[in-house]
Amino acid sequence: MIYRTKKDLTVLCAWQEMLNQLAEKKKKTDELLKNILPEHVAFELKQFTRIEVGLHEQVCVMFADFTNFTAVSSSMDTQELARELNICFTEIDHIAERFDAEKLKTIRDGYLCVTGLMNKAKCPANSLLMAALAMRDFIEQRRLQKEAEGRVYWGVRLGLHVGPVVAGVVGQHKFAFDIWGDTVNIAARLEMAGM
């Protein structure tokens, strides 16, 4: 195509700039979606605008919950509490990622992650167990450090279970990917019963 006038070239440049801006916005939206939802769910949502709820036979589920959280958090100001939670959950996210565990969500001072749902981990049960031990060790190290400073700190309680889960997204507003079933309930009860 031959551009005959300066106006043609200006229009073309404006279109190209708009396309570049749209591509950048799409990239940011895709990254945000992948940060909120598991990667395969984000892909399915973009392709089909809905996510199928399905049964997954062998999923390893882990609940982690801070112990003594209410007492410890009441001794901190708002900024310090937010900073400590951010430090803990950021490190727990890194640990989960290192062991190919998929974080599903934080629930107040609790954390839910799985392996075997997206089939990334070579040995899902072993990967989740190793992640749980690393999380326990990190929180224990942090607790000992805070106690050496003369401060109280929370501990962590963990519950793991392996089995079938139903997974997917329900609802249409402010939806979130979630998992349901006895495997999830037993992992939660094991966490609550832990020391």
N, C-alpha and C. Protein backbone atom coordinates (compact mmCIF):
# COMPACT_ATOMS: atom_id res chain seq x y z
N MET A 1 0.84 -1.17 0.00
CA MET A 1 0.00 0.00 0.00
C MET A 1 0.89 1.24 0.00
N ILE A 2 0.55 2.18 -0.80
CA ILE A 2 1.31 3.43 -0.90
C ILE A 2 0.51 4.52 -0.21
N TYR A 3 1.18 5.25 0.67
CA TYR A 3 0.53 6.34 1.38
C TYR A 3 0.78 7.62 0.60
N ARG A 4 -0.30 8.25 0.20
CA ARG A 4 -0.20 9.38 -0.71
C ARG A 4 -0.03 10.71 0.01
N THR A 5 -0.52 10.77 1.23
CA THR A 5 -0.46 12.07 1.90
C THR A 5 0.11 11.90 3.30
N LYS A 6 0.50 13.03 3.84
CA LYS A 6 0.98 13.06 5.22
C LYS A 6 -0.15 12.68 6.17
N LYS A 7 -1.37 13.02 5.79
CA LYS A 7 -2.54 12.68 6.62
C LYS A 7 -2.71 11.17 6.70
N ASP A 8 -2.50 10.45 5.57
CA ASP A 8 -2.59 8.99 5.58
C ASP A 8 -1.58 8.40 6.56
N LEU A 9 -0.37 8.90 6.55
CA LEU A 9 0.68 8.42 7.43
C LEU A 9 0.35 8.73 8.89
N THR A 10 -0.23 9.89 9.16
CA THR A 10 -0.62 10.28 10.52
C THR A 10 -1.71 9.36 11.05
N VAL A 11 -2.70 9.05 10.19
CA VAL A 11 -3.78 8.15 10.59
C VAL A 11 -3.21 6.75 10.88
N LEU A 12 -2.31 6.28 10.02
CA LEU A 12 -1.70 4.98 10.22
C LEU A 12 -0.92 4.94 11.54
N CYS A 13 -0.17 5.97 11.83
CA CYS A 13 0.59 6.03 13.08
C CYS A 13 -0.34 6.04 14.29
N ALA A 14 -1.45 6.76 14.19
CA ALA A 14 -2.42 6.80 15.29
C ALA A 14 -3.03 5.42 15.51
N TRP A 15 -3.36 4.73 14.42
CA TRP A 15 -3.90 3.37 14.54
C TRP A 15 -2.88 2.43 15.17
N GLN A 16 -1.64 2.55 14.73
CA GLN A 16 -0.59 1.68 15.27
C GLN A 16 -0.40 1.94 16.76
N GLU A 17 -0.44 3.19 17.17
CA GLU A 17 -0.32 3.54 18.59
C GLU A 17 -1.48 2.95 19.39
N MET A 18 -2.70 3.04 18.85
CA MET A 18 -3.86 2.45 19.53
C MET A 18 -3.71 0.93 19.65
N LEU A 19 -3.23 0.27 18.60
CA LEU A 19 -3.02 -1.17 18.66
C LEU A 19 -1.97 -1.54 19.69
N ASN A 20 -0.91 -0.76 19.78
CA ASN A 20 0.13 -1.00 20.78
C ASN A 20 -0.42 -0.85 22.20
N GLN A 21 -1.25 0.18 22.41
CA GLN A 21 -1.85 0.39 23.73
C GLN A 21 -2.80 -0.74 24.09
N LEU A 22 -3.59 -1.20 23.12
CA LEU A 22 -4.49 -2.33 23.36
C LEU A 22 -3.72 -3.60 23.69
N ALA A 23 -2.63 -3.84 22.99
CA ALA A 23 -1.81 -5.02 23.25
C ALA A 23 -1.22 -4.96 24.66
N GLU A 24 -0.78 -3.79 25.07
CA GLU A 24 -0.23 -3.62 26.42
C GLU A 24 -1.31 -3.83 27.49
N LYS A 25 -2.49 -3.28 27.25
CA LYS A 25 -3.60 -3.47 28.21
C LYS A 25 -4.01 -4.94 28.28
N LYS A 26 -4.03 -5.63 27.15
CA LYS A 26 -4.37 -7.06 27.13
C LYS A 26 -3.33 -7.85 27.92
N LYS A 27 -2.07 -7.50 27.75
CA LYS A 27 -1.00 -8.20 28.48
C LYS A 27 -1.18 -8.01 29.98
N LYS A 28 -1.47 -6.79 30.43
CA LYS A 28 -1.68 -6.52 31.85
C LYS A 28 -2.91 -7.25 32.38
N THR A 29 -3.97 -7.28 31.59
CA THR A 29 -5.20 -7.98 31.99
C THR A 29 -4.94 -9.47 32.11
N ASP A 30 -4.21 -10.05 31.15
CA ASP A 30 -3.88 -11.47 31.20
C ASP A 30 -3.05 -11.80 32.43
N GLU A 31 -2.07 -10.95 32.74
CA GLU A 31 -1.23 -11.17 33.92
C GLU A 31 -2.05 -11.08 35.20
N LEU A 32 -2.95 -10.12 35.27
CA LEU A 32 -3.80 -9.98 36.44
C LEU A 32 -4.71 -11.20 36.60
N LEU A 33 -5.29 -11.65 35.51
CA LEU A 33 -6.17 -12.82 35.55
C LEU A 33 -5.41 -14.06 36.00
N LYS A 34 -4.18 -14.25 35.50
CA LYS A 34 -3.37 -15.40 35.91
C LYS A 34 -2.93 -15.29 37.37
N ASN A 35 -2.86 -14.07 37.88
CA ASN A 35 -2.49 -13.87 39.28
C ASN A 35 -3.67 -14.17 40.21
N ILE A 36 -4.89 -13.99 39.72
CA ILE A 36 -6.09 -14.20 40.53
C ILE A 36 -6.56 -15.65 40.45
N LEU A 37 -6.47 -16.24 39.27
CA LEU A 37 -6.99 -17.59 39.05
C LEU A 37 -5.85 -18.53 38.64
N PRO A 38 -5.99 -19.83 38.89
CA PRO A 38 -5.00 -20.77 38.35
C PRO A 38 -4.92 -20.61 36.83
N GLU A 39 -3.74 -20.86 36.28
CA GLU A 39 -3.48 -20.58 34.87
C GLU A 39 -4.47 -21.27 33.93
N HIS A 40 -4.76 -22.54 34.18
CA HIS A 40 -5.69 -23.24 33.28
C HIS A 40 -7.11 -22.67 33.38
N VAL A 41 -7.48 -22.16 34.54
CA VAL A 41 -8.80 -21.56 34.72
C VAL A 41 -8.86 -20.22 33.98
N ALA A 42 -7.79 -19.44 34.09
CA ALA A 42 -7.74 -18.16 33.38
C ALA A 42 -7.84 -18.38 31.87
N PHE A 43 -7.14 -19.40 31.37
CA PHE A 43 -7.19 -19.72 29.95
C PHE A 43 -8.61 -20.10 29.53
N GLU A 44 -9.23 -20.97 30.32
CA GLU A 44 -10.59 -21.42 30.01
C GLU A 44 -11.57 -20.25 30.03
N LEU A 45 -11.42 -19.36 31.00
CA LEU A 45 -12.30 -18.21 31.10
C LEU A 45 -12.16 -17.29 29.89
N LYS A 46 -10.93 -17.08 29.45
CA LYS A 46 -10.71 -16.23 28.27
C LYS A 46 -11.26 -16.87 27.00
N GLN A 47 -11.13 -18.19 26.89
CA GLN A 47 -11.56 -18.88 25.68
C GLN A 47 -13.08 -19.03 25.60
N PHE A 48 -13.70 -19.36 26.74
CA PHE A 48 -15.10 -19.76 26.71
C PHE A 48 -16.02 -18.88 27.56
N THR A 49 -15.46 -17.90 28.24
CA THR A 49 -16.17 -16.97 29.14
C THR A 49 -16.90 -17.67 30.28
N ARG A 50 -16.63 -18.95 30.50
CA ARG A 50 -17.16 -19.66 31.66
C ARG A 50 -16.21 -20.80 31.98
N ILE A 51 -16.29 -21.28 33.20
CA ILE A 51 -15.41 -22.35 33.64
C ILE A 51 -16.26 -23.54 34.06
N GLU A 52 -15.91 -24.68 33.54
CA GLU A 52 -16.63 -25.90 33.90
C GLU A 52 -16.20 -26.36 35.28
N VAL A 53 -17.14 -26.74 36.11
CA VAL A 53 -16.85 -27.36 37.39
C VAL A 53 -16.60 -28.83 37.11
N GLY A 54 -15.54 -29.38 37.71
CA GLY A 54 -15.21 -30.77 37.41
C GLY A 54 -14.64 -31.52 38.59
N LEU A 55 -14.65 -32.84 38.48
CA LEU A 55 -14.09 -33.73 39.49
C LEU A 55 -12.64 -34.02 39.15
N HIS A 56 -11.78 -33.92 40.14
CA HIS A 56 -10.36 -34.25 40.01
C HIS A 56 -10.08 -35.34 41.03
N GLU A 57 -9.57 -36.48 40.58
CA GLU A 57 -9.50 -37.68 41.41
C GLU A 57 -8.44 -37.65 42.51
N GLN A 58 -7.24 -37.17 42.22
CA GLN A 58 -6.14 -37.24 43.20
C GLN A 58 -5.52 -35.87 43.40
N VAL A 59 -6.08 -35.11 44.31
CA VAL A 59 -5.58 -33.77 44.60
C VAL A 59 -5.09 -33.75 46.05
N CYS A 60 -3.95 -33.13 46.25
CA CYS A 60 -3.39 -32.96 47.59
C CYS A 60 -3.75 -31.56 48.06
N VAL A 61 -4.41 -31.48 49.21
CA VAL A 61 -4.94 -30.22 49.73
C VAL A 61 -4.22 -29.89 51.03
N MET A 62 -3.81 -28.63 51.19
CA MET A 62 -3.19 -28.20 52.43
C MET A 62 -3.83 -26.90 52.93
N PHE A 63 -4.24 -26.92 54.19
CA PHE A 63 -4.65 -25.71 54.90
C PHE A 63 -3.55 -25.35 55.87
N ALA A 64 -3.20 -24.09 55.93
CA ALA A 64 -2.28 -23.58 56.93
C ALA A 64 -3.00 -22.45 57.65
N ASP A 65 -2.83 -22.40 58.97
CA ASP A 65 -3.50 -21.37 59.76
C ASP A 65 -2.55 -20.91 60.86
N PHE A 66 -2.47 -19.61 61.07
CA PHE A 66 -1.62 -19.09 62.14
C PHE A 66 -2.27 -19.36 63.49
N THR A 67 -1.49 -19.84 64.44
CA THR A 67 -2.00 -20.08 65.79
C THR A 67 -1.69 -18.86 66.64
N ASN A 68 -2.54 -18.59 67.61
CA ASN A 68 -2.36 -17.46 68.52
C ASN A 68 -2.42 -16.12 67.76
N PHE A 69 -3.04 -16.13 66.59
CA PHE A 69 -3.05 -14.95 65.74
C PHE A 69 -3.80 -13.78 66.38
N THR A 70 -4.97 -14.04 66.95
CA THR A 70 -5.77 -12.95 67.51
C THR A 70 -5.03 -12.25 68.63
N ALA A 71 -4.43 -13.01 69.53
CA ALA A 71 -3.69 -12.41 70.65
C ALA A 71 -2.49 -11.62 70.16
N VAL A 72 -1.74 -12.19 69.23
CA VAL A 72 -0.54 -11.52 68.71
C VAL A 72 -0.93 -10.27 67.93
N SER A 73 -1.93 -10.40 67.07
CA SER A 73 -2.31 -9.25 66.22
C SER A 73 -2.86 -8.09 67.04
N SER A 74 -3.47 -8.38 68.19
CA SER A 74 -3.99 -7.29 69.02
C SER A 74 -2.88 -6.50 69.70
N SER A 75 -1.67 -7.07 69.73
CA SER A 75 -0.53 -6.35 70.31
C SER A 75 0.24 -5.54 69.26
N MET A 76 -0.19 -5.59 68.01
CA MET A 76 0.48 -4.87 66.92
C MET A 76 -0.39 -3.73 66.43
N ASP A 77 0.25 -2.66 65.95
CA ASP A 77 -0.55 -1.63 65.31
C ASP A 77 -0.89 -2.10 63.89
N THR A 78 -1.80 -1.42 63.25
CA THR A 78 -2.34 -1.84 61.95
C THR A 78 -1.25 -2.01 60.90
N GLN A 79 -0.34 -1.05 60.83
CA GLN A 79 0.73 -1.10 59.82
C GLN A 79 1.66 -2.28 60.06
N GLU A 80 2.02 -2.50 61.33
CA GLU A 80 2.91 -3.61 61.65
C GLU A 80 2.24 -4.95 61.33
N LEU A 81 0.96 -5.08 61.65
CA LEU A 81 0.23 -6.31 61.35
C LEU A 81 0.19 -6.57 59.84
N ALA A 82 -0.13 -5.54 59.08
CA ALA A 82 -0.18 -5.69 57.62
C ALA A 82 1.20 -6.05 57.08
N ARG A 83 2.25 -5.44 57.61
CA ARG A 83 3.61 -5.73 57.17
C ARG A 83 3.99 -7.19 57.47
N GLU A 84 3.67 -7.65 58.68
CA GLU A 84 4.00 -9.03 59.06
C GLU A 84 3.22 -10.05 58.22
N LEU A 85 1.94 -9.79 58.02
CA LEU A 85 1.15 -10.70 57.17
C LEU A 85 1.71 -10.73 55.76
N ASN A 86 2.10 -9.57 55.24
CA ASN A 86 2.66 -9.51 53.89
C ASN A 86 3.97 -10.30 53.81
N ILE A 87 4.83 -10.15 54.82
CA ILE A 87 6.09 -10.90 54.83
C ILE A 87 5.80 -12.40 54.85
N CYS A 88 4.91 -12.83 55.73
CA CYS A 88 4.60 -14.26 55.86
C CYS A 88 3.96 -14.82 54.60
N PHE A 89 2.92 -14.17 54.10
CA PHE A 89 2.22 -14.71 52.94
C PHE A 89 3.08 -14.63 51.67
N THR A 90 3.93 -13.63 51.56
CA THR A 90 4.83 -13.54 50.41
C THR A 90 5.80 -14.71 50.42
N GLU A 91 6.39 -14.99 51.59
CA GLU A 91 7.32 -16.12 51.67
C GLU A 91 6.60 -17.45 51.47
N ILE A 92 5.41 -17.59 52.03
CA ILE A 92 4.63 -18.82 51.83
C ILE A 92 4.28 -19.00 50.35
N ASP A 93 3.96 -17.90 49.66
CA ASP A 93 3.73 -17.97 48.21
C ASP A 93 4.97 -18.49 47.48
N HIS A 94 6.15 -17.97 47.87
CA HIS A 94 7.41 -18.41 47.23
C HIS A 94 7.66 -19.90 47.49
N ILE A 95 7.39 -20.32 48.72
CA ILE A 95 7.57 -21.73 49.06
C ILE A 95 6.61 -22.59 48.23
N ALA A 96 5.36 -22.20 48.16
CA ALA A 96 4.38 -22.95 47.37
C ALA A 96 4.83 -23.06 45.92
N GLU A 97 5.27 -21.96 45.37
CA GLU A 97 5.73 -21.95 43.98
C GLU A 97 6.94 -22.87 43.79
N ARG A 98 7.87 -22.83 44.74
CA ARG A 98 9.09 -23.64 44.65
C ARG A 98 8.75 -25.14 44.60
N PHE A 99 7.67 -25.54 45.27
CA PHE A 99 7.30 -26.95 45.32
C PHE A 99 6.11 -27.27 44.40
N ASP A 100 5.86 -26.41 43.42
CA ASP A 100 4.81 -26.61 42.41
C ASP A 100 3.42 -26.75 43.01
N ALA A 101 3.19 -26.07 44.13
CA ALA A 101 1.86 -26.05 44.73
C ALA A 101 1.13 -24.82 44.21
N GLU A 102 -0.16 -24.95 44.01
CA GLU A 102 -0.98 -23.85 43.51
C GLU A 102 -1.73 -23.21 44.66
N LYS A 103 -1.44 -21.95 44.94
CA LYS A 103 -2.19 -21.22 45.96
C LYS A 103 -3.58 -20.96 45.42
N LEU A 104 -4.59 -21.32 46.19
CA LEU A 104 -5.96 -21.02 45.79
C LEU A 104 -6.44 -19.74 46.44
N LYS A 105 -6.12 -19.56 47.74
CA LYS A 105 -6.57 -18.33 48.39
C LYS A 105 -6.00 -18.23 49.80
N THR A 106 -6.05 -17.01 50.31
CA THR A 106 -5.85 -16.79 51.74
C THR A 106 -7.23 -16.55 52.33
N ILE A 107 -7.40 -17.04 53.53
CA ILE A 107 -8.67 -16.89 54.23
C ILE A 107 -8.33 -16.31 55.59
N ARG A 108 -8.49 -15.01 55.76
CA ARG A 108 -8.08 -14.31 56.97
C ARG A 108 -6.60 -14.59 57.22
N ASP A 109 -6.27 -15.33 58.29
CA ASP A 109 -4.88 -15.66 58.58
C ASP A 109 -4.57 -17.10 58.15
N GLY A 110 -5.35 -17.62 57.23
CA GLY A 110 -5.15 -18.98 56.73
C GLY A 110 -4.77 -18.98 55.27
N TYR A 111 -4.30 -20.12 54.81
CA TYR A 111 -3.77 -20.27 53.46
C TYR A 111 -4.21 -21.63 52.92
N LEU A 112 -4.69 -21.66 51.70
CA LEU A 112 -5.12 -22.90 51.06
C LEU A 112 -4.34 -23.08 49.76
N CYS A 113 -3.68 -24.25 49.64
CA CYS A 113 -2.99 -24.54 48.38
C CYS A 113 -3.13 -26.03 48.08
N VAL A 114 -2.85 -26.38 46.82
CA VAL A 114 -3.03 -27.75 46.35
C VAL A 114 -1.90 -28.14 45.41
N THR A 115 -1.72 -29.44 45.27
CA THR A 115 -0.92 -30.00 44.18
C THR A 115 -1.78 -31.08 43.54
N GLY A 116 -1.45 -31.42 42.30
CA GLY A 116 -2.18 -32.47 41.60
C GLY A 116 -3.40 -31.97 40.84
N LEU A 117 -3.80 -30.75 41.07
CA LEU A 117 -4.96 -30.21 40.37
C LEU A 117 -4.57 -29.79 38.96
N MET A 118 -3.41 -29.16 38.83
CA MET A 118 -2.96 -28.70 37.53
C MET A 118 -1.88 -29.61 36.95
N ASN A 119 -1.58 -30.70 37.68
CA ASN A 119 -0.61 -31.71 37.23
C ASN A 119 0.78 -31.15 36.95
N LYS A 120 1.20 -30.12 37.70
CA LYS A 120 2.55 -29.59 37.52
C LYS A 120 3.57 -30.41 38.30
N ALA A 121 3.25 -30.79 39.52
CA ALA A 121 4.20 -31.49 40.38
C ALA A 121 4.37 -32.94 39.91
N LYS A 122 5.63 -33.41 39.90
CA LYS A 122 5.89 -34.79 39.49
C LYS A 122 5.33 -35.77 40.51
N CYS A 123 5.47 -35.45 41.78
CA CYS A 123 4.94 -36.29 42.86
C CYS A 123 4.14 -35.37 43.78
N PRO A 124 2.84 -35.16 43.49
CA PRO A 124 2.05 -34.15 44.18
C PRO A 124 2.05 -34.25 45.70
N ALA A 125 1.90 -35.46 46.25
CA ALA A 125 1.84 -35.60 47.71
C ALA A 125 3.18 -35.21 48.34
N ASN A 126 4.27 -35.67 47.76
CA ASN A 126 5.59 -35.35 48.28
C ASN A 126 5.86 -33.85 48.16
N SER A 127 5.49 -33.26 47.03
CA SER A 127 5.70 -31.82 46.83
C SER A 127 4.96 -31.00 47.88
N LEU A 128 3.71 -31.35 48.15
CA LEU A 128 2.93 -30.59 49.12
C LEU A 128 3.46 -30.79 50.54
N LEU A 129 3.88 -32.00 50.85
CA LEU A 129 4.47 -32.26 52.17
C LEU A 129 5.73 -31.44 52.36
N MET A 130 6.59 -31.40 51.35
CA MET A 130 7.83 -30.61 51.44
C MET A 130 7.51 -29.12 51.57
N ALA A 131 6.50 -28.65 50.86
CA ALA A 131 6.09 -27.25 50.99
C ALA A 131 5.59 -26.97 52.40
N ALA A 132 4.79 -27.89 52.96
CA ALA A 132 4.25 -27.70 54.31
C ALA A 132 5.38 -27.63 55.33
N LEU A 133 6.36 -28.50 55.20
CA LEU A 133 7.49 -28.48 56.13
C LEU A 133 8.29 -27.19 56.01
N ALA A 134 8.48 -26.71 54.79
CA ALA A 134 9.22 -25.46 54.59
C ALA A 134 8.44 -24.27 55.16
N MET A 135 7.11 -24.29 55.00
CA MET A 135 6.29 -23.22 55.58
C MET A 135 6.37 -23.25 57.11
N ARG A 136 6.26 -24.45 57.68
CA ARG A 136 6.37 -24.60 59.13
C ARG A 136 7.71 -24.06 59.63
N ASP A 137 8.78 -24.44 58.94
CA ASP A 137 10.12 -24.00 59.35
C ASP A 137 10.28 -22.49 59.25
N PHE A 138 9.73 -21.89 58.20
CA PHE A 138 9.82 -20.43 58.05
C PHE A 138 9.11 -19.72 59.20
N ILE A 139 7.88 -20.13 59.50
CA ILE A 139 7.12 -19.46 60.57
C ILE A 139 7.81 -19.70 61.92
N GLU A 140 8.33 -20.89 62.14
CA GLU A 140 9.02 -21.17 63.41
C GLU A 140 10.27 -20.30 63.54
N GLN A 141 11.01 -20.15 62.46
CA GLN A 141 12.19 -19.28 62.47
C GLN A 141 11.81 -17.84 62.78
N ARG A 142 10.76 -17.37 62.18
CA ARG A 142 10.28 -16.00 62.40
C ARG A 142 9.83 -15.83 63.85
N ARG A 143 9.12 -16.85 64.38
CA ARG A 143 8.64 -16.79 65.76
C ARG A 143 9.82 -16.72 66.74
N LEU A 144 10.84 -17.54 66.52
CA LEU A 144 12.02 -17.53 67.40
C LEU A 144 12.75 -16.19 67.34
N GLN A 145 12.81 -15.63 66.15
CA GLN A 145 13.45 -14.32 65.98
C GLN A 145 12.69 -13.25 66.76
N LYS A 146 11.37 -13.25 66.65
CA LYS A 146 10.55 -12.25 67.36
C LYS A 146 10.63 -12.45 68.87
N GLU A 147 10.61 -13.71 69.32
CA GLU A 147 10.71 -13.97 70.75
C GLU A 147 12.06 -13.54 71.31
N ALA A 148 13.13 -13.67 70.51
CA ALA A 148 14.46 -13.20 70.93
C ALA A 148 14.47 -11.68 71.11
N GLU A 149 13.57 -10.99 70.41
CA GLU A 149 13.42 -9.54 70.55
C GLU A 149 12.46 -9.18 71.69
N GLY A 150 11.96 -10.21 72.40
CA GLY A 150 11.05 -9.97 73.51
C GLY A 150 9.60 -9.77 73.09
N ARG A 151 9.25 -10.25 71.91
CA ARG A 151 7.90 -10.07 71.40
C ARG A 151 7.23 -11.42 71.23
N VAL A 152 5.91 -11.43 71.28
CA VAL A 152 5.17 -12.67 71.00
C VAL A 152 4.90 -12.74 69.50
N TYR A 153 4.73 -13.95 69.02
CA TYR A 153 4.49 -14.13 67.58
C TYR A 153 3.63 -15.37 67.39
N TRP A 154 3.04 -15.48 66.23
CA TRP A 154 2.18 -16.63 65.96
C TRP A 154 2.99 -17.84 65.49
N GLY A 155 2.36 -18.98 65.62
CA GLY A 155 2.89 -20.21 65.06
C GLY A 155 2.05 -20.59 63.85
N VAL A 156 2.19 -21.82 63.39
CA VAL A 156 1.39 -22.26 62.25
C VAL A 156 0.94 -23.70 62.49
N ARG A 157 -0.26 -23.99 62.06
CA ARG A 157 -0.83 -25.32 62.13
C ARG A 157 -1.17 -25.72 60.70
N LEU A 158 -0.89 -26.97 60.35
CA LEU A 158 -1.07 -27.43 58.97
C LEU A 158 -1.94 -28.68 58.93
N GLY A 159 -2.75 -28.79 57.89
CA GLY A 159 -3.55 -29.99 57.66
C GLY A 159 -3.46 -30.37 56.19
N LEU A 160 -3.10 -31.61 55.92
CA LEU A 160 -2.97 -32.10 54.54
C LEU A 160 -3.82 -33.34 54.35
N HIS A 161 -4.40 -33.46 53.17
CA HIS A 161 -5.14 -34.68 52.83
C HIS A 161 -5.12 -34.85 51.32
N VAL A 162 -5.24 -36.10 50.87
CA VAL A 162 -5.20 -36.42 49.45
C VAL A 162 -6.47 -37.16 49.07
N GLY A 163 -7.05 -36.79 47.95
CA GLY A 163 -8.23 -37.48 47.47
C GLY A 163 -8.94 -36.69 46.40
N PRO A 164 -10.17 -37.08 46.09
CA PRO A 164 -10.92 -36.39 45.03
C PRO A 164 -11.48 -35.05 45.51
N VAL A 165 -11.52 -34.08 44.61
CA VAL A 165 -12.15 -32.78 44.89
C VAL A 165 -12.96 -32.37 43.67
N VAL A 166 -13.97 -31.57 43.92
CA VAL A 166 -14.68 -30.88 42.86
C VAL A 166 -14.08 -29.49 42.81
N ALA A 167 -13.76 -29.01 41.63
CA ALA A 167 -13.09 -27.72 41.49
C ALA A 167 -13.74 -26.92 40.39
N GLY A 168 -13.79 -25.61 40.59
CA GLY A 168 -14.32 -24.74 39.56
C GLY A 168 -14.74 -23.40 40.12
N VAL A 169 -15.50 -22.69 39.33
CA VAL A 169 -15.99 -21.36 39.69
C VAL A 169 -17.50 -21.41 39.68
N VAL A 170 -18.10 -20.90 40.74
CA VAL A 170 -19.55 -20.79 40.77
C VAL A 170 -19.91 -19.32 40.97
N GLY A 171 -21.06 -18.94 40.50
CA GLY A 171 -21.49 -17.55 40.58
C GLY A 171 -21.01 -16.74 39.39
N GLN A 172 -21.47 -15.51 39.32
CA GLN A 172 -21.10 -14.65 38.20
C GLN A 172 -20.49 -13.33 38.63
N HIS A 173 -20.60 -12.97 39.89
CA HIS A 173 -20.07 -11.70 40.36
C HIS A 173 -18.99 -11.94 41.39
N LYS A 174 -17.86 -11.28 41.22
CA LYS A 174 -16.72 -11.44 42.13
C LYS A 174 -16.43 -12.91 42.36
N PHE A 175 -16.40 -13.66 41.26
CA PHE A 175 -16.20 -15.09 41.37
C PHE A 175 -14.77 -15.41 41.75
N ALA A 176 -14.60 -16.61 42.29
CA ALA A 176 -13.28 -17.11 42.65
C ALA A 176 -13.25 -18.60 42.39
N PHE A 177 -12.12 -19.09 42.01
CA PHE A 177 -11.91 -20.52 41.83
C PHE A 177 -11.87 -21.16 43.21
N ASP A 178 -12.52 -22.30 43.38
CA ASP A 178 -12.54 -22.94 44.68
C ASP A 178 -12.61 -24.45 44.51
N ILE A 179 -12.42 -25.17 45.62
CA ILE A 179 -12.51 -26.63 45.64
C ILE A 179 -13.43 -27.05 46.77
N TRP A 180 -14.10 -28.21 46.56
CA TRP A 180 -15.07 -28.71 47.54
C TRP A 180 -14.93 -30.21 47.66
N GLY A 181 -15.42 -30.75 48.78
CA GLY A 181 -15.50 -32.19 48.96
C GLY A 181 -14.88 -32.65 50.27
N ASP A 182 -15.00 -33.95 50.53
CA ASP A 182 -14.48 -34.52 51.77
C ASP A 182 -12.98 -34.32 51.92
N THR A 183 -12.24 -34.39 50.83
CA THR A 183 -10.79 -34.19 50.91
C THR A 183 -10.48 -32.81 51.48
N VAL A 184 -11.20 -31.81 51.03
CA VAL A 184 -11.00 -30.44 51.52
C VAL A 184 -11.41 -30.35 52.99
N ASN A 185 -12.56 -30.94 53.32
CA ASN A 185 -13.06 -30.88 54.70
C ASN A 185 -12.12 -31.59 55.66
N ILE A 186 -11.58 -32.74 55.26
CA ILE A 186 -10.68 -33.48 56.14
C ILE A 186 -9.38 -32.71 56.34
N ALA A 187 -8.83 -32.12 55.27
CA ALA A 187 -7.62 -31.30 55.42
C ALA A 187 -7.87 -30.15 56.39
N ALA A 188 -9.04 -29.52 56.30
CA ALA A 188 -9.37 -28.41 57.21
C ALA A 188 -9.49 -28.91 58.65
N ARG A 189 -10.12 -30.07 58.83
CA ARG A 189 -10.27 -30.61 60.19
C ARG A 189 -8.92 -31.04 60.77
N LEU A 190 -8.05 -31.60 59.94
CA LEU A 190 -6.72 -31.97 60.41
C LEU A 190 -5.94 -30.73 60.84
N GLU A 191 -6.08 -29.66 60.09
CA GLU A 191 -5.42 -28.40 60.47
C GLU A 191 -5.95 -27.93 61.82
N MET A 192 -7.27 -27.94 62.01
CA MET A 192 -7.87 -27.48 63.26
C MET A 192 -7.47 -28.35 64.46
N ALA A 193 -7.26 -29.64 64.20
CA ALA A 193 -6.92 -30.57 65.28
C ALA A 193 -5.43 -30.59 65.57
N GLY A 194 -4.63 -29.95 64.74
CA GLY A 194 -3.17 -30.00 64.90
C GLY A 194 -2.70 -29.20 66.11
N MET A 195 -1.45 -29.43 66.46
CA MET A 195 -0.85 -28.72 67.59
C MET A 195 -0.40 -27.34 67.16
